[in-house]
Protein backbone atom coordinates (compact mmCIF):
# COMPACT_ATOMS: atom_id res chain seq x y z
CA MET A 1 10.72 -17.82 0.08
CA THR A 2 9.22 -15.73 -2.79
CA THR A 3 9.21 -11.97 -2.46
CA ILE A 4 6.73 -9.52 -3.74
CA LEU A 5 7.71 -5.96 -3.97
CA VAL A 6 5.04 -3.29 -3.89
CA GLY A 7 5.86 0.25 -5.01
CA VAL A 8 3.76 2.77 -3.12
CA ASP A 9 3.24 6.56 -2.72
CA ALA A 10 0.62 8.57 -1.02
CA SER A 11 -1.87 8.08 -4.03
CA GLU A 12 -5.20 6.17 -4.41
CA HIS A 13 -3.58 3.83 -6.99
CA SER A 14 -1.15 2.52 -4.33
CA ARG A 15 -4.17 1.39 -2.39
CA ASP A 16 -5.02 -0.68 -5.39
CA ALA A 17 -1.59 -2.15 -5.57
CA ILE A 18 -1.51 -2.98 -1.85
CA ALA A 19 -4.98 -4.70 -2.14
CA PHE A 20 -3.63 -6.85 -5.06
CA ALA A 21 -0.31 -7.64 -3.20
CA ALA A 22 -2.57 -8.87 -0.32
CA THR A 23 -4.56 -11.09 -2.66
CA MET A 24 -1.32 -12.58 -4.08
CA ALA A 25 0.30 -12.94 -0.71
CA ARG A 26 -2.70 -14.75 0.82
CA ALA A 27 -2.67 -17.27 -2.11
CA SER A 28 1.15 -17.88 -1.41
CA SER A 29 3.73 -17.89 1.35
CA ALA A 30 5.44 -14.82 -0.20
CA ARG A 31 7.32 -12.24 1.76
CA VAL A 32 5.87 -8.71 0.95
CA VAL A 33 8.22 -5.68 0.63
CA VAL A 34 6.31 -2.34 0.73
CA ALA A 35 8.59 0.40 -0.73
CA CYS A 36 8.21 4.09 -1.27
CA THR A 37 11.06 5.69 -3.21
CA PHE A 38 12.32 9.24 -2.42
CA ASN A 39 14.63 11.55 -4.25
CA ALA A 40 18.21 10.88 -3.26
CA ASP A 41 19.42 14.19 -4.82
CA GLY A 42 17.44 16.25 -2.49
CA ILE A 43 20.49 16.81 -0.23
CA GLY A 44 18.94 19.56 2.11
CA ARG A 45 15.65 17.63 2.47
CA ARG A 46 17.03 14.13 2.15
CA PHE A 47 16.23 13.11 5.84
CA ALA A 48 12.81 14.59 5.72
CA LEU A 49 12.07 12.91 2.34
CA ARG A 50 13.23 9.58 3.71
CA ASP A 51 11.15 10.07 6.88
CA GLU A 52 8.15 10.90 4.81
CA ALA A 53 8.82 7.81 2.50
CA GLU A 54 9.06 5.37 5.48
CA PHE A 55 5.92 6.85 7.02
CA ILE A 56 4.03 6.27 3.74
CA ALA A 57 5.45 2.70 3.36
CA ARG A 58 4.47 1.83 6.92
CA ARG A 59 0.94 3.28 6.57
CA MET A 60 0.27 1.37 3.35
CA SER A 61 1.59 -1.89 4.64
CA ARG A 62 -1.05 -1.79 7.25
CA HIS A 63 -3.50 -2.39 4.57
CA LEU A 64 -2.23 -5.87 3.84
CA TYR A 65 -5.14 -7.47 5.58
CA GLY A 66 -4.83 -11.18 6.36
CA ILE A 67 -1.06 -11.28 5.95
CA ASP A 68 1.17 -12.01 9.00
CA VAL A 69 3.25 -9.19 9.97
CA GLY A 70 6.28 -11.29 9.97
CA ARG A 71 5.99 -11.58 6.21
CA VAL A 72 5.72 -7.81 5.66
CA HIS A 73 8.62 -5.23 5.48
CA ALA A 74 8.08 -1.70 4.95
CA CYS A 75 10.99 0.68 3.73
CA ALA A 76 12.03 3.79 2.04
CA HIS A 77 14.50 3.68 -0.77
CA PRO A 78 16.59 6.41 -2.08
CA THR A 79 16.74 6.79 -5.80
CA THR A 80 16.84 9.37 -8.63
CA ALA A 81 13.93 7.66 -10.55
CA THR A 82 11.17 5.55 -9.05
CA ASP A 83 11.37 2.89 -11.62
CA HIS A 84 15.16 2.47 -11.36
CA GLY A 85 14.83 2.36 -7.44
CA LEU A 86 12.13 -0.21 -7.60
CA SER A 87 14.17 -2.44 -10.08
CA GLU A 88 17.25 -2.03 -7.83
CA LEU A 89 15.36 -3.06 -4.66
CA ALA A 90 13.67 -5.93 -6.47
CA ALA A 91 17.06 -7.27 -7.51
CA SER A 92 18.59 -6.76 -4.14
CA GLU A 93 15.46 -8.52 -2.37
CA GLY A 94 15.29 -11.25 -5.00
CA ALA A 95 11.70 -10.26 -5.82
CA ALA A 96 9.74 -12.39 -8.21
CA LEU A 97 7.09 -9.61 -8.76
CA ILE A 98 6.88 -5.89 -8.78
CA ILE A 99 3.27 -4.47 -8.25
CA VAL A 100 2.35 -0.96 -8.98
CA GLY A 101 -0.88 0.72 -9.38
CA ALA A 102 -2.09 2.06 -12.74
CA SER A 103 -2.59 5.86 -12.95
CA ARG A 104 -4.09 6.09 -16.30
CA ARG A 105 -7.04 4.93 -18.55
CA ASP A 106 -7.42 5.24 -22.31
CA ALA A 107 -10.56 6.67 -23.95
CA SER A 108 -12.45 3.35 -23.59
CA GLY A 109 -11.67 3.09 -19.92
CA ALA A 110 -8.95 0.22 -20.24
CA THR A 111 -6.17 0.33 -17.81
CA LEU A 112 -2.82 1.86 -18.84
CA PRO A 113 0.34 1.80 -16.91
CA GLY A 114 1.58 5.29 -15.77
CA GLY A 115 5.21 6.36 -16.40
CA THR A 116 6.74 4.23 -13.70
CA GLY A 117 4.68 1.12 -14.57
CA ALA A 118 5.58 1.57 -18.27
CA ARG A 119 9.19 1.88 -17.68
CA LEU A 120 9.15 -1.07 -15.24
CA LEU A 121 7.32 -3.18 -17.91
CA HIS A 122 10.07 -2.26 -20.25
CA ASP A 123 13.11 -2.60 -18.18
CA GLY A 124 12.01 -4.13 -14.87
CA ALA A 125 14.28 -6.62 -12.99
CA CYS A 126 11.43 -9.17 -12.72
CA ALA A 127 7.69 -9.72 -13.60
CA VAL A 128 5.57 -6.52 -13.07
CA ALA A 129 1.90 -6.39 -12.29
CA VAL A 130 0.07 -3.15 -13.03
CA VAL A 131 -3.11 -3.01 -11.01
CA PRO A 132 -6.31 -1.45 -12.53
CA ARG A 133 -7.66 1.73 -10.87
CA GLY A 134 -10.34 0.82 -8.41
CA TYR A 135 -9.17 -2.73 -7.64
CA VAL A 136 -9.38 -1.93 -4.04
CA ALA A 137 -13.11 -1.71 -4.17
CA ARG A 138 -13.50 -5.18 -5.73
CA ALA A 139 -10.46 -7.03 -4.17
CA ASP A 140 -12.64 -9.43 -2.38
CA ARG A 141 -14.16 -10.82 -5.65
CA PRO A 142 -12.44 -13.56 -7.53
CA LEU A 143 -9.91 -12.59 -10.24
CA ARG A 144 -11.42 -13.51 -13.63
CA ARG A 145 -8.94 -11.87 -16.05
CA ILE A 146 -5.28 -11.52 -16.18
CA VAL A 147 -3.61 -9.62 -18.99
CA SER A 148 0.06 -10.30 -19.71
CA ALA A 149 2.34 -8.12 -21.59
CA THR A 150 5.86 -8.36 -23.15
CA THR A 151 8.17 -5.80 -24.79
CA GLU A 152 10.35 -8.48 -26.44
CA LEU A 153 9.15 -8.27 -29.95
CA PRO A 154 11.99 -8.72 -32.50
CA SER A 155 13.02 -5.69 -34.54
CA HIS A 156 9.91 -3.73 -33.49
CA GLY A 157 11.51 -1.78 -30.54
CA PRO A 158 9.62 -1.40 -27.29
CA ARG A 159 5.95 -2.27 -27.65
CA TRP A 160 3.56 -4.04 -25.58
CA LEU A 161 1.89 -7.22 -26.88
CA LEU A 162 -1.16 -7.64 -24.75
CA ARG A 163 -3.04 -10.95 -24.30
CA SER A 164 -6.12 -11.35 -22.27
CA ARG A 165 -8.06 -14.53 -21.36
CA ARG A 166 -10.64 -15.34 -18.90
CA PHE A 167 -9.69 -17.79 -16.14
CA THR A 168 -12.16 -20.21 -14.43
CA PRO A 169 -12.19 -19.93 -10.58
CA SER A 170 -10.61 -23.49 -10.37
CA GLU A 171 -7.78 -22.39 -12.60
CA LEU A 172 -7.11 -19.26 -10.53
CA ASN A 173 -7.40 -21.25 -7.27
CA SER A 174 -4.80 -23.76 -8.37
CA ALA A 175 -2.27 -21.25 -9.65
């Protein structure tokens, strides 16, 4: 069974990631792991940080509307860096996709990955989806555009090559 990993925190962009994960999970039989990472170096506060991360993951997982609870697992994951923690968890869970929310936009309003999203796009253990801000408000509408990115450009170092194309509803429904 395919696994989708959703990285969440207590922010609004995590709601966007959860809404997109629900869309993807409803279109498949994928298992959904909702994970909130916490600082593993916080020795004195480690248990409190873990409890808070578990609470956030469970609370966010309740927004996976239309997904059977048997397909959903919420967890806290200790790490020293969120992107590394999500990559480790994706590898151990056999995830095919990591979903995170976008936390930035450029001057034109286009979605940009935040620090975690950018590092996952560069070094992630699997495919990564960075969900645009505000997606939760339009999650019930059909997807019309998917942007793909790669960092594998020979001799140019880490850069993103973005491609965007419109999909017809029948193309998206058959995917």
